[in-house]
Amino acid sequence: MSLLTVDQEKCKRDGICAEVCPAGIIEFKDKDAFPSLVDGGDELCIRCGHCVAVCPHGAMSHTIMKPEDCQSVNDDWLFGPEQVEHFLRYRRSIRNYKNKQVGQEILTKLIDVASFAPSAHNFQPVRWLVIYEKDEVQRMTEFVIDWMRYLIKEDSPFVAALHLNRVVSSWEKGNDPICRNAPHIIVTHAHKEVQIAPVDCTIALTYLELAASSFDLGACWAGFFHLAATLWPPMQQELGLPEGNVNFGAMMVGYPKFKYQRLPLRNDAEIIWR
């Protein structure tokens, strides 16, 4: 079966599919020809779907997707510049959560949305771990505290840099400065030999954080959790990731306890023009 199929009744031979193809594997052999794959195109294709998505006539099908399987773009839903600015500035790192569990179906949909984040060469290496039960979040948080106590005992440079004495002291007073009493933690992981995985996982988690508000959820990067999961073998063992996989980021997720009313200011961008 051919990787690409062209509906010759719909195709206008306008060359758009060939022009947008990231791998440059679509060609027109002559002016009267329909688009076709170059030699070796099957191996070079990155399965991104650009050719299917861009065709205004719905003439191009890929073996893994057909135009009728892909949702059409709704121009009425697209943001203008002012809406995009407001949406991005509205984003807050949420550190106060309601004592309310988020349904698994909602978290699944949120992760599905985040899975559309770009990845290098469309490799899509990102995998997800949801620490769902609040008792399990608490248990994993205790591993983070154990790691901090170990660093304090060893007089690690991390102690002063991250104010770990203060963090541990706050924990011992009954507070949670690690996961902020979030009901859920979402971890991205990938195989350690995928060199671009750290960037791809970061982008995917960024998508997840930005999408969270549309589900009435709040999110915050779980930096202490991520560091401990990266550096503390007992916690790595407890995470139980597939063999060869390592964590590349963690996010607290839950229903926000408070609603922010204004968009705070930030420093002006420092730009160099060349």
C-alpha atoms as a PDB file:
ATOM      1  CA  MET A   1       0.000   0.000   0.000  1.00  0.00           C
ATOM      2  CA  SER A   2       1.338   3.435  -0.963  1.00  0.00           C
ATOM      3  CA  LEU A   3       2.226   5.799   1.853  1.00  0.00           C
ATOM      4  CA  LEU A   4       0.356   8.622   0.114  1.00  0.00           C
ATOM      5  CA  THR A   5      -2.832   8.404  -1.919  1.00  0.00           C
ATOM      6  CA  VAL A   6      -4.025  11.244  -4.132  1.00  0.00           C
ATOM      7  CA  ASP A   7      -7.661  11.676  -5.126  1.00  0.00           C
ATOM      8  CA  GLN A   8      -7.093  12.767  -8.709  1.00  0.00           C
ATOM      9  CA  GLU A   9     -10.610  14.145  -9.041  1.00  0.00           C
ATOM     10  CA  LYS A  10     -10.012  16.548  -6.147  1.00  0.00           C
ATOM     11  CA  CYS A  11      -6.316  17.335  -6.650  1.00  0.00           C
ATOM     12  CA  LYS A  12      -5.650  20.697  -8.352  1.00  0.00           C
ATOM     13  CA  ARG A  13      -1.898  20.020  -8.661  1.00  0.00           C
ATOM     14  CA  ASP A  14      -1.169  23.332  -6.946  1.00  0.00           C
ATOM     15  CA  GLY A  15       2.004  21.975  -5.291  1.00  0.00           C
ATOM     16  CA  ILE A  16       1.104  23.104  -1.769  1.00  0.00           C
ATOM     17  CA  CYS A  17       1.648  19.619  -0.291  1.00  0.00           C
ATOM     18  CA  ALA A  18       5.154  19.434  -1.751  1.00  0.00           C
ATOM     19  CA  GLU A  19       6.018  22.942  -0.592  1.00  0.00           C
ATOM     20  CA  VAL A  20       5.078  22.381   3.058  1.00  0.00           C
ATOM     21  CA  CYS A  21       6.479  18.840   3.423  1.00  0.00           C
ATOM     22  CA  PRO A  22       9.212  19.099   6.121  1.00  0.00           C
ATOM     23  CA  ALA A  23      11.070  16.088   4.729  1.00  0.00           C
ATOM     24  CA  GLY A  24      10.860  17.267   1.109  1.00  0.00           C
ATOM     25  CA  ILE A  25       9.651  13.894  -0.117  1.00  0.00           C
ATOM     26  CA  ILE A  26       6.719  14.940  -2.332  1.00  0.00           C
ATOM     27  CA  GLU A  27       7.449  15.742  -5.963  1.00  0.00           C
ATOM     28  CA  PHE A  28       5.751  16.450  -9.293  1.00  0.00           C
ATOM     29  CA  LYS A  29       7.623  14.540 -11.975  1.00  0.00           C
ATOM     30  CA  ASP A  30       6.270  16.800 -14.719  1.00  0.00           C
ATOM     31  CA  LYS A  31       3.777  19.633 -15.090  1.00  0.00           C
ATOM     32  CA  ASP A  32       0.880  17.300 -15.789  1.00  0.00           C
ATOM     33  CA  ALA A  33       1.696  14.814 -13.016  1.00  0.00           C
ATOM     34  CA  PHE A  34       0.010  14.397  -9.668  1.00  0.00           C
ATOM     35  CA  PRO A  35       2.073  14.581  -6.446  1.00  0.00           C
ATOM     36  CA  SER A  36       4.045  11.439  -5.617  1.00  0.00           C
ATOM     37  CA  LEU A  37       6.770  10.266  -3.275  1.00  0.00           C
ATOM     38  CA  VAL A  38      10.447  10.584  -4.132  1.00  0.00           C
ATOM     39  CA  ASP A  39      12.505   7.403  -4.082  1.00  0.00           C
ATOM     40  CA  GLY A  40      13.003   6.325  -0.485  1.00  0.00           C
ATOM     41  CA  GLY A  41      10.211   8.598   0.687  1.00  0.00           C
ATOM     42  CA  ASP A  42       8.634   5.892   2.846  1.00  0.00           C
ATOM     43  CA  GLU A  43      11.712   5.820   5.078  1.00  0.00           C
ATOM     44  CA  LEU A  44      12.145   9.606   5.162  1.00  0.00           C
ATOM     45  CA  CYS A  45       8.522  10.487   6.007  1.00  0.00           C
ATOM     46  CA  ILE A  46       8.107  11.693   9.601  1.00  0.00           C
ATOM     47  CA  ARG A  47       4.336  11.053   9.675  1.00  0.00           C
ATOM     48  CA  CYS A  48       3.522  14.647  10.626  1.00  0.00           C
ATOM     49  CA  GLY A  49       0.377  14.889   8.496  1.00  0.00           C
ATOM     50  CA  HIS A  50       1.235  18.319   7.044  1.00  0.00           C
ATOM     51  CA  CYS A  51       0.354  17.180   3.530  1.00  0.00           C
ATOM     52  CA  VAL A  52      -3.095  15.995   4.644  1.00  0.00           C
ATOM     53  CA  ALA A  53      -3.752  19.036   6.824  1.00  0.00           C
ATOM     54  CA  VAL A  54      -2.742  21.696   4.305  1.00  0.00           C
ATOM     55  CA  CYS A  55      -4.544  20.502   1.165  1.00  0.00           C
ATOM     56  CA  PRO A  56      -7.508  22.872   0.608  1.00  0.00           C
ATOM     57  CA  HIS A  57      -9.238  20.280  -1.545  1.00  0.00           C
ATOM     58  CA  GLY A  58      -8.972  17.251   0.768  1.00  0.00           C
ATOM     59  CA  ALA A  59      -7.178  15.367  -1.985  1.00  0.00           C
ATOM     60  CA  MET A  60      -4.247  13.926  -0.042  1.00  0.00           C
ATOM     61  CA  SER A  61      -4.448  10.874   2.201  1.00  0.00           C
ATOM     62  CA  HIS A  62      -1.654   9.344   4.250  1.00  0.00           C
ATOM     63  CA  THR A  63      -1.594   5.707   5.249  1.00  0.00           C
ATOM     64  CA  ILE A  64      -1.967   6.729   8.924  1.00  0.00           C
ATOM     65  CA  MET A  65      -4.558   9.488   8.391  1.00  0.00           C
ATOM     66  CA  LYS A  66      -7.194  10.550   5.893  1.00  0.00           C
ATOM     67  CA  PRO A  67      -8.613  14.077   5.535  1.00  0.00           C
ATOM     68  CA  GLU A  68     -12.033  12.914   6.732  1.00  0.00           C
ATOM     69  CA  ASP A  69     -10.411  11.592   9.933  1.00  0.00           C
ATOM     70  CA  CYS A  70      -8.920  15.007  10.790  1.00  0.00           C
ATOM     71  CA  GLN A  71     -10.973  17.725  12.462  1.00  0.00           C
ATOM     72  CA  SER A  72     -11.431  20.797  10.274  1.00  0.00           C
ATOM     73  CA  VAL A  73     -10.024  24.113  11.450  1.00  0.00           C
ATOM     74  CA  ASN A  74     -12.730  26.346  12.932  1.00  0.00           C
ATOM     75  CA  ASP A  75     -11.734  29.914  12.066  1.00  0.00           C
ATOM     76  CA  ASP A  76     -14.263  31.271  14.559  1.00  0.00           C
ATOM     77  CA  TRP A  77     -12.326  29.665  17.412  1.00  0.00           C
ATOM     78  CA  LEU A  78      -8.936  31.117  16.469  1.00  0.00           C
ATOM     79  CA  PHE A  79      -7.520  33.811  18.772  1.00  0.00           C
ATOM     80  CA  GLY A  80      -6.488  37.255  17.661  1.00  0.00           C
ATOM     81  CA  PRO A  81      -3.298  38.866  19.076  1.00  0.00           C
ATOM     82  CA  GLU A  82      -5.095  40.563  21.975  1.00  0.00           C
ATOM     83  CA  GLN A  83      -6.838  37.326  22.981  1.00  0.00           C
ATOM     84  CA  VAL A  84      -3.566  35.386  22.815  1.00  0.00           C
ATOM     85  CA  GLU A  85      -1.824  38.000  24.957  1.00  0.00           C
ATOM     86  CA  HIS A  86      -4.624  37.903  27.522  1.00  0.00           C
ATOM     87  CA  PHE A  87      -4.678  34.096  27.565  1.00  0.00           C
ATOM     88  CA  LEU A  88      -0.920  33.796  28.108  1.00  0.00           C
ATOM     89  CA  ARG A  89      -0.755  36.584  30.687  1.00  0.00           C
ATOM     90  CA  TYR A  90      -3.695  35.043  32.562  1.00  0.00           C
ATOM     91  CA  ARG A  91      -1.643  31.901  33.172  1.00  0.00           C
ATOM     92  CA  ARG A  92      -0.592  31.616  36.787  1.00  0.00           C
ATOM     93  CA  SER A  93       1.448  29.054  38.672  1.00  0.00           C
ATOM     94  CA  ILE A  94      -1.207  27.636  40.986  1.00  0.00           C
ATOM     95  CA  ARG A  95       0.040  26.679  44.457  1.00  0.00           C
ATOM     96  CA  ASN A  96      -3.258  26.564  46.358  1.00  0.00           C
ATOM     97  CA  TYR A  97      -5.700  23.770  45.569  1.00  0.00           C
ATOM     98  CA  LYS A  98      -9.162  22.716  46.622  1.00  0.00           C
ATOM     99  CA  ASN A  99      -9.414  19.430  48.468  1.00  0.00           C
ATOM    100  CA  LYS A 100     -11.117  17.888  45.465  1.00  0.00           C
ATOM    101  CA  GLN A 101     -10.035  15.105  43.165  1.00  0.00           C
ATOM    102  CA  VAL A 102     -10.033  15.652  39.402  1.00  0.00           C
ATOM    103  CA  GLY A 103     -11.783  12.948  37.393  1.00  0.00           C
ATOM    104  CA  GLN A 104      -9.507  10.610  35.489  1.00  0.00           C
ATOM    105  CA  GLU A 105     -11.410  11.314  32.269  1.00  0.00           C
ATOM    106  CA  ILE A 106     -10.624  15.043  32.621  1.00  0.00           C
ATOM    107  CA  LEU A 107      -6.924  14.438  33.247  1.00  0.00           C
ATOM    108  CA  THR A 108      -6.859  12.029  30.310  1.00  0.00           C
ATOM    109  CA  LYS A 109      -8.347  14.683  28.030  1.00  0.00           C
ATOM    110  CA  LEU A 110      -5.880  17.264  29.331  1.00  0.00           C
ATOM    111  CA  ILE A 111      -2.965  14.942  28.581  1.00  0.00           C
ATOM    112  CA  ASP A 112      -4.415  14.143  25.166  1.00  0.00           C
ATOM    113  CA  VAL A 113      -4.422  17.860  24.353  1.00  0.00           C
ATOM    114  CA  ALA A 114      -0.825  18.242  25.608  1.00  0.00           C
ATOM    115  CA  SER A 115       0.217  15.300  23.446  1.00  0.00           C
ATOM    116  CA  PHE A 116      -0.247  17.509  20.378  1.00  0.00           C
ATOM    117  CA  ALA A 117       2.842  19.488  21.429  1.00  0.00           C
ATOM    118  CA  PRO A 118       5.589  19.526  18.782  1.00  0.00           C
ATOM    119  CA  SER A 119       8.472  17.101  19.070  1.00  0.00           C
ATOM    120  CA  ALA A 120      11.729  16.929  17.155  1.00  0.00           C
ATOM    121  CA  HIS A 121      11.264  15.088  13.850  1.00  0.00           C
ATOM    122  CA  ASN A 122       7.737  14.234  15.066  1.00  0.00           C
ATOM    123  CA  PHE A 123       9.336  11.442  17.089  1.00  0.00           C
ATOM    124  CA  GLN A 124       6.777  11.847  19.904  1.00  0.00           C
ATOM    125  CA  PRO A 125       8.928  10.307  22.667  1.00  0.00           C
ATOM    126  CA  VAL A 126       6.922  11.739  25.584  1.00  0.00           C
ATOM    127  CA  ARG A 127       5.291   9.279  27.975  1.00  0.00           C
ATOM    128  CA  TRP A 128       3.113  10.156  30.965  1.00  0.00           C
ATOM    129  CA  LEU A 129       2.834   9.020  34.566  1.00  0.00           C
ATOM    130  CA  VAL A 130      -0.075  10.285  36.686  1.00  0.00           C
ATOM    131  CA  ILE A 131       0.315  10.008  40.438  1.00  0.00           C
ATOM    132  CA  TYR A 132      -3.397  10.125  40.965  1.00  0.00           C
ATOM    133  CA  GLU A 133      -4.272   9.216  44.544  1.00  0.00           C
ATOM    134  CA  LYS A 134      -3.561  11.985  47.042  1.00  0.00           C
ATOM    135  CA  ASP A 135      -2.103   9.493  49.541  1.00  0.00           C
ATOM    136  CA  GLU A 136       0.374   8.427  46.861  1.00  0.00           C
ATOM    137  CA  VAL A 137       1.279  12.055  46.158  1.00  0.00           C
ATOM    138  CA  GLN A 138       1.925  12.464  49.890  1.00  0.00           C
ATOM    139  CA  ARG A 139       4.055   9.327  49.979  1.00  0.00           C
ATOM    140  CA  MET A 140       6.175  10.473  47.047  1.00  0.00           C
ATOM    141  CA  THR A 141       6.524  13.902  48.661  1.00  0.00           C
ATOM    142  CA  GLU A 142       8.069  12.224  51.695  1.00  0.00           C
ATOM    143  CA  PHE A 143      10.765  10.807  49.407  1.00  0.00           C
ATOM    144  CA  VAL A 144      11.551  14.359  48.306  1.00  0.00           C
ATOM    145  CA  ILE A 145      11.922  15.391  51.938  1.00  0.00           C
ATOM    146  CA  ASP A 146      14.187  12.395  52.590  1.00  0.00           C
ATOM    147  CA  TRP A 147      16.381  13.542  49.704  1.00  0.00           C
ATOM    148  CA  MET A 148      16.567  17.044  51.149  1.00  0.00           C
ATOM    149  CA  ARG A 149      17.483  15.726  54.593  1.00  0.00           C
ATOM    150  CA  TYR A 150      20.252  13.678  52.995  1.00  0.00           C
ATOM    151  CA  LEU A 151      21.600  16.778  51.228  1.00  0.00           C
ATOM    152  CA  ILE A 152      21.514  18.743  54.484  1.00  0.00           C
ATOM    153  CA  LYS A 153      23.404  15.979  56.254  1.00  0.00           C
ATOM    154  CA  GLU A 154      26.005  15.902  53.458  1.00  0.00           C
ATOM    155  CA  ASP A 155      26.301  19.709  53.463  1.00  0.00           C
ATOM    156  CA  SER A 156      25.501  19.835  49.757  1.00  0.00           C
ATOM    157  CA  PRO A 157      25.736  23.169  47.866  1.00  0.00           C
ATOM    158  CA  PHE A 158      22.071  22.598  47.000  1.00  0.00           C
ATOM    159  CA  VAL A 159      21.140  23.322  50.619  1.00  0.00           C
ATOM    160  CA  ALA A 160      21.963  27.021  50.536  1.00  0.00           C
ATOM    161  CA  ALA A 161      21.024  27.513  46.888  1.00  0.00           C
ATOM    162  CA  LEU A 162      17.522  26.050  47.332  1.00  0.00           C
ATOM    163  CA  HIS A 163      16.966  27.045  50.996  1.00  0.00           C
ATOM    164  CA  LEU A 164      16.423  23.395  51.869  1.00  0.00           C
ATOM    165  CA  ASN A 165      16.640  23.915  55.635  1.00  0.00           C
ATOM    166  CA  ARG A 166      13.672  26.251  55.395  1.00  0.00           C
ATOM    167  CA  VAL A 167      11.767  23.834  53.154  1.00  0.00           C
ATOM    168  CA  VAL A 168      12.279  20.884  55.506  1.00  0.00           C
ATOM    169  CA  SER A 169      11.395  23.019  58.520  1.00  0.00           C
ATOM    170  CA  SER A 170       8.135  24.051  56.856  1.00  0.00           C
ATOM    171  CA  TRP A 171       7.323  20.404  56.134  1.00  0.00           C
ATOM    172  CA  GLU A 172       7.973  19.436  59.745  1.00  0.00           C
ATOM    173  CA  LYS A 173       5.500  22.125  60.841  1.00  0.00           C
ATOM    174  CA  GLY A 174       2.754  20.420  58.838  1.00  0.00           C
ATOM    175  CA  ASN A 175       2.952  22.414  55.611  1.00  0.00           C
ATOM    176  CA  ASP A 176       3.619  21.070  52.116  1.00  0.00           C
ATOM    177  CA  PRO A 177       6.149  23.290  50.324  1.00  0.00           C
ATOM    178  CA  ILE A 178       6.904  20.472  47.848  1.00  0.00           C
ATOM    179  CA  CYS A 179       3.611  19.604  46.126  1.00  0.00           C
ATOM    180  CA  ARG A 180       1.490  22.317  47.757  1.00  0.00           C
ATOM    181  CA  ASN A 181      -1.224  19.806  48.691  1.00  0.00           C
ATOM    182  CA  ALA A 182      -1.986  19.276  45.008  1.00  0.00           C
ATOM    183  CA  PRO A 183      -4.230  16.247  44.525  1.00  0.00           C
ATOM    184  CA  HIS A 184      -2.301  14.988  41.497  1.00  0.00           C
ATOM    185  CA  ILE A 185       1.192  15.019  40.016  1.00  0.00           C
ATOM    186  CA  ILE A 186       1.752  14.467  36.292  1.00  0.00           C
ATOM    187  CA  VAL A 187       5.226  13.315  35.253  1.00  0.00           C
ATOM    188  CA  THR A 188       6.674  13.236  31.745  1.00  0.00           C
ATOM    189  CA  HIS A 189       9.278  10.601  30.990  1.00  0.00           C
ATOM    190  CA  ALA A 190      11.082   9.137  28.005  1.00  0.00           C
ATOM    191  CA  HIS A 191      13.931   6.784  27.225  1.00  0.00           C
ATOM    192  CA  LYS A 192      17.238   8.154  28.458  1.00  0.00           C
ATOM    193  CA  GLU A 193      18.905   7.629  25.061  1.00  0.00           C
ATOM    194  CA  VAL A 194      16.488   9.936  23.219  1.00  0.00           C
ATOM    195  CA  GLN A 195      18.678  13.024  23.172  1.00  0.00           C
ATOM    196  CA  ILE A 196      15.930  15.528  22.413  1.00  0.00           C
ATOM    197  CA  ALA A 197      13.518  14.062  24.996  1.00  0.00           C
ATOM    198  CA  PRO A 198      14.201  16.693  27.710  1.00  0.00           C
ATOM    199  CA  VAL A 199      13.081  19.475  25.358  1.00  0.00           C
ATOM    200  CA  ASP A 200      10.120  17.519  24.006  1.00  0.00           C
ATOM    201  CA  CYS A 201       8.917  16.692  27.532  1.00  0.00           C
ATOM    202  CA  THR A 202       9.287  20.316  28.608  1.00  0.00           C
ATOM    203  CA  ILE A 203       7.248  21.520  25.647  1.00  0.00           C
ATOM    204  CA  ALA A 204       4.550  18.907  26.318  1.00  0.00           C
ATOM    205  CA  LEU A 205       4.270  19.928  29.976  1.00  0.00           C
ATOM    206  CA  THR A 206       4.089  23.568  28.914  1.00  0.00           C
ATOM    207  CA  TYR A 207       1.164  22.702  26.657  1.00  0.00           C
ATOM    208  CA  LEU A 208      -0.449  20.896  29.585  1.00  0.00           C
ATOM    209  CA  GLU A 209      -0.017  23.859  31.920  1.00  0.00           C
ATOM    210  CA  LEU A 210      -1.453  26.285  29.384  1.00  0.00           C
ATOM    211  CA  ALA A 211      -4.394  23.999  28.609  1.00  0.00           C
ATOM    212  CA  ALA A 212      -5.222  23.401  32.278  1.00  0.00           C
ATOM    213  CA  SER A 213      -7.255  26.583  32.752  1.00  0.00           C
ATOM    214  CA  SER A 214      -9.666  25.583  29.964  1.00  0.00           C
ATOM    215  CA  PHE A 215     -10.604  22.588  32.137  1.00  0.00           C
ATOM    216  CA  ASP A 216     -11.036  24.885  35.184  1.00  0.00           C
ATOM    217  CA  LEU A 217      -7.801  23.421  36.528  1.00  0.00           C
ATOM    218  CA  GLY A 218      -4.611  24.986  37.808  1.00  0.00           C
ATOM    219  CA  ALA A 219      -1.071  23.711  37.433  1.00  0.00           C
ATOM    220  CA  CYS A 220       2.431  24.469  38.642  1.00  0.00           C
ATOM    221  CA  TRP A 221       5.846  23.073  37.804  1.00  0.00           C
ATOM    222  CA  ALA A 222       6.894  20.682  40.578  1.00  0.00           C
ATOM    223  CA  GLY A 223      10.568  21.626  40.646  1.00  0.00           C
ATOM    224  CA  PHE A 224      11.562  19.959  43.936  1.00  0.00           C
ATOM    225  CA  PHE A 225       9.719  16.802  42.920  1.00  0.00           C
ATOM    226  CA  HIS A 226      11.476  16.753  39.553  1.00  0.00           C
ATOM    227  CA  LEU A 227      14.924  17.282  41.065  1.00  0.00           C
ATOM    228  CA  ALA A 228      14.476  14.498  43.597  1.00  0.00           C
ATOM    229  CA  ALA A 229      13.119  12.166  40.913  1.00  0.00           C
ATOM    230  CA  THR A 230      16.203  12.959  38.841  1.00  0.00           C
ATOM    231  CA  LEU A 231      18.852  12.681  41.557  1.00  0.00           C
ATOM    232  CA  TRP A 232      17.525  10.454  44.359  1.00  0.00           C
ATOM    233  CA  PRO A 233      17.723   6.693  43.593  1.00  0.00           C
ATOM    234  CA  PRO A 234      15.130   5.640  46.228  1.00  0.00           C
ATOM    235  CA  MET A 235      12.584   7.956  44.628  1.00  0.00           C
ATOM    236  CA  GLN A 236      13.470   6.780  41.146  1.00  0.00           C
ATOM    237  CA  GLN A 237      12.806   3.238  42.258  1.00  0.00           C
ATOM    238  CA  GLU A 238       9.443   4.206  43.743  1.00  0.00           C
ATOM    239  CA  LEU A 239       8.370   5.997  40.577  1.00  0.00           C
ATOM    240  CA  GLY A 240       8.658   2.669  38.791  1.00  0.00           C
ATOM    241  CA  LEU A 241       9.183   4.063  35.296  1.00  0.00           C
ATOM    242  CA  PRO A 242       9.753   1.568  32.461  1.00  0.00           C
ATOM    243  CA  GLU A 243      13.296   0.274  32.234  1.00  0.00           C
ATOM    244  CA  GLY A 244      15.551   2.797  30.525  1.00  0.00           C
ATOM    245  CA  ASN A 245      13.123   5.687  30.991  1.00  0.00           C
ATOM    246  CA  VAL A 246      13.825   8.722  33.162  1.00  0.00           C
ATOM    247  CA  ASN A 247      11.641  11.616  34.251  1.00  0.00           C
ATOM    248  CA  PHE A 248      12.019  14.938  32.458  1.00  0.00           C
ATOM    249  CA  GLY A 249       9.516  17.068  34.321  1.00  0.00           C
ATOM    250  CA  ALA A 250       6.646  17.074  36.810  1.00  0.00           C
ATOM    251  CA  MET A 251       3.539  19.198  37.202  1.00  0.00           C
ATOM    252  CA  MET A 252       1.124  19.714  40.098  1.00  0.00           C
ATOM    253  CA  VAL A 253      -2.494  19.703  38.935  1.00  0.00           C
ATOM    254  CA  GLY A 254      -5.803  20.339  40.687  1.00  0.00           C
ATOM    255  CA  TYR A 255      -8.730  22.698  41.079  1.00  0.00           C
ATOM    256  CA  PRO A 256      -7.517  26.186  42.097  1.00  0.00           C
ATOM    257  CA  LYS A 257      -8.585  27.384  45.514  1.00  0.00           C
ATOM    258  CA  PHE A 258      -8.563  31.020  44.420  1.00  0.00           C
ATOM    259  CA  LYS A 259      -9.269  32.939  41.215  1.00  0.00           C
ATOM    260  CA  TYR A 260      -6.831  35.635  40.110  1.00  0.00           C
ATOM    261  CA  GLN A 261      -8.417  38.963  39.225  1.00  0.00           C
ATOM    262  CA  ARG A 262      -5.632  40.877  37.472  1.00  0.00           C
ATOM    263  CA  LEU A 263      -2.706  40.304  35.103  1.00  0.00           C
ATOM    264  CA  PRO A 264       0.532  41.130  36.970  1.00  0.00           C
ATOM    265  CA  LEU A 265       3.319  43.062  35.320  1.00  0.00           C
ATOM    266  CA  ARG A 266       6.607  41.656  34.086  1.00  0.00           C
ATOM    267  CA  ASN A 267       9.891  43.181  32.959  1.00  0.00           C
ATOM    268  CA  ASP A 268      10.048  44.391  29.381  1.00  0.00           C
ATOM    269  CA  ALA A 269      11.603  41.923  26.963  1.00  0.00           C
ATOM    270  CA  GLU A 270      15.304  42.469  26.300  1.00  0.00           C
ATOM    271  CA  ILE A 271      15.753  42.147  22.534  1.00  0.00           C
ATOM    272  CA  ILE A 272      18.869  42.200  20.362  1.00  0.00           C
ATOM    273  CA  TRP A 273      18.202  42.937  16.679  1.00  0.00           C
ATOM    274  CA  ARG A 274      20.747  41.943  14.049  1.00  0.00           C
END
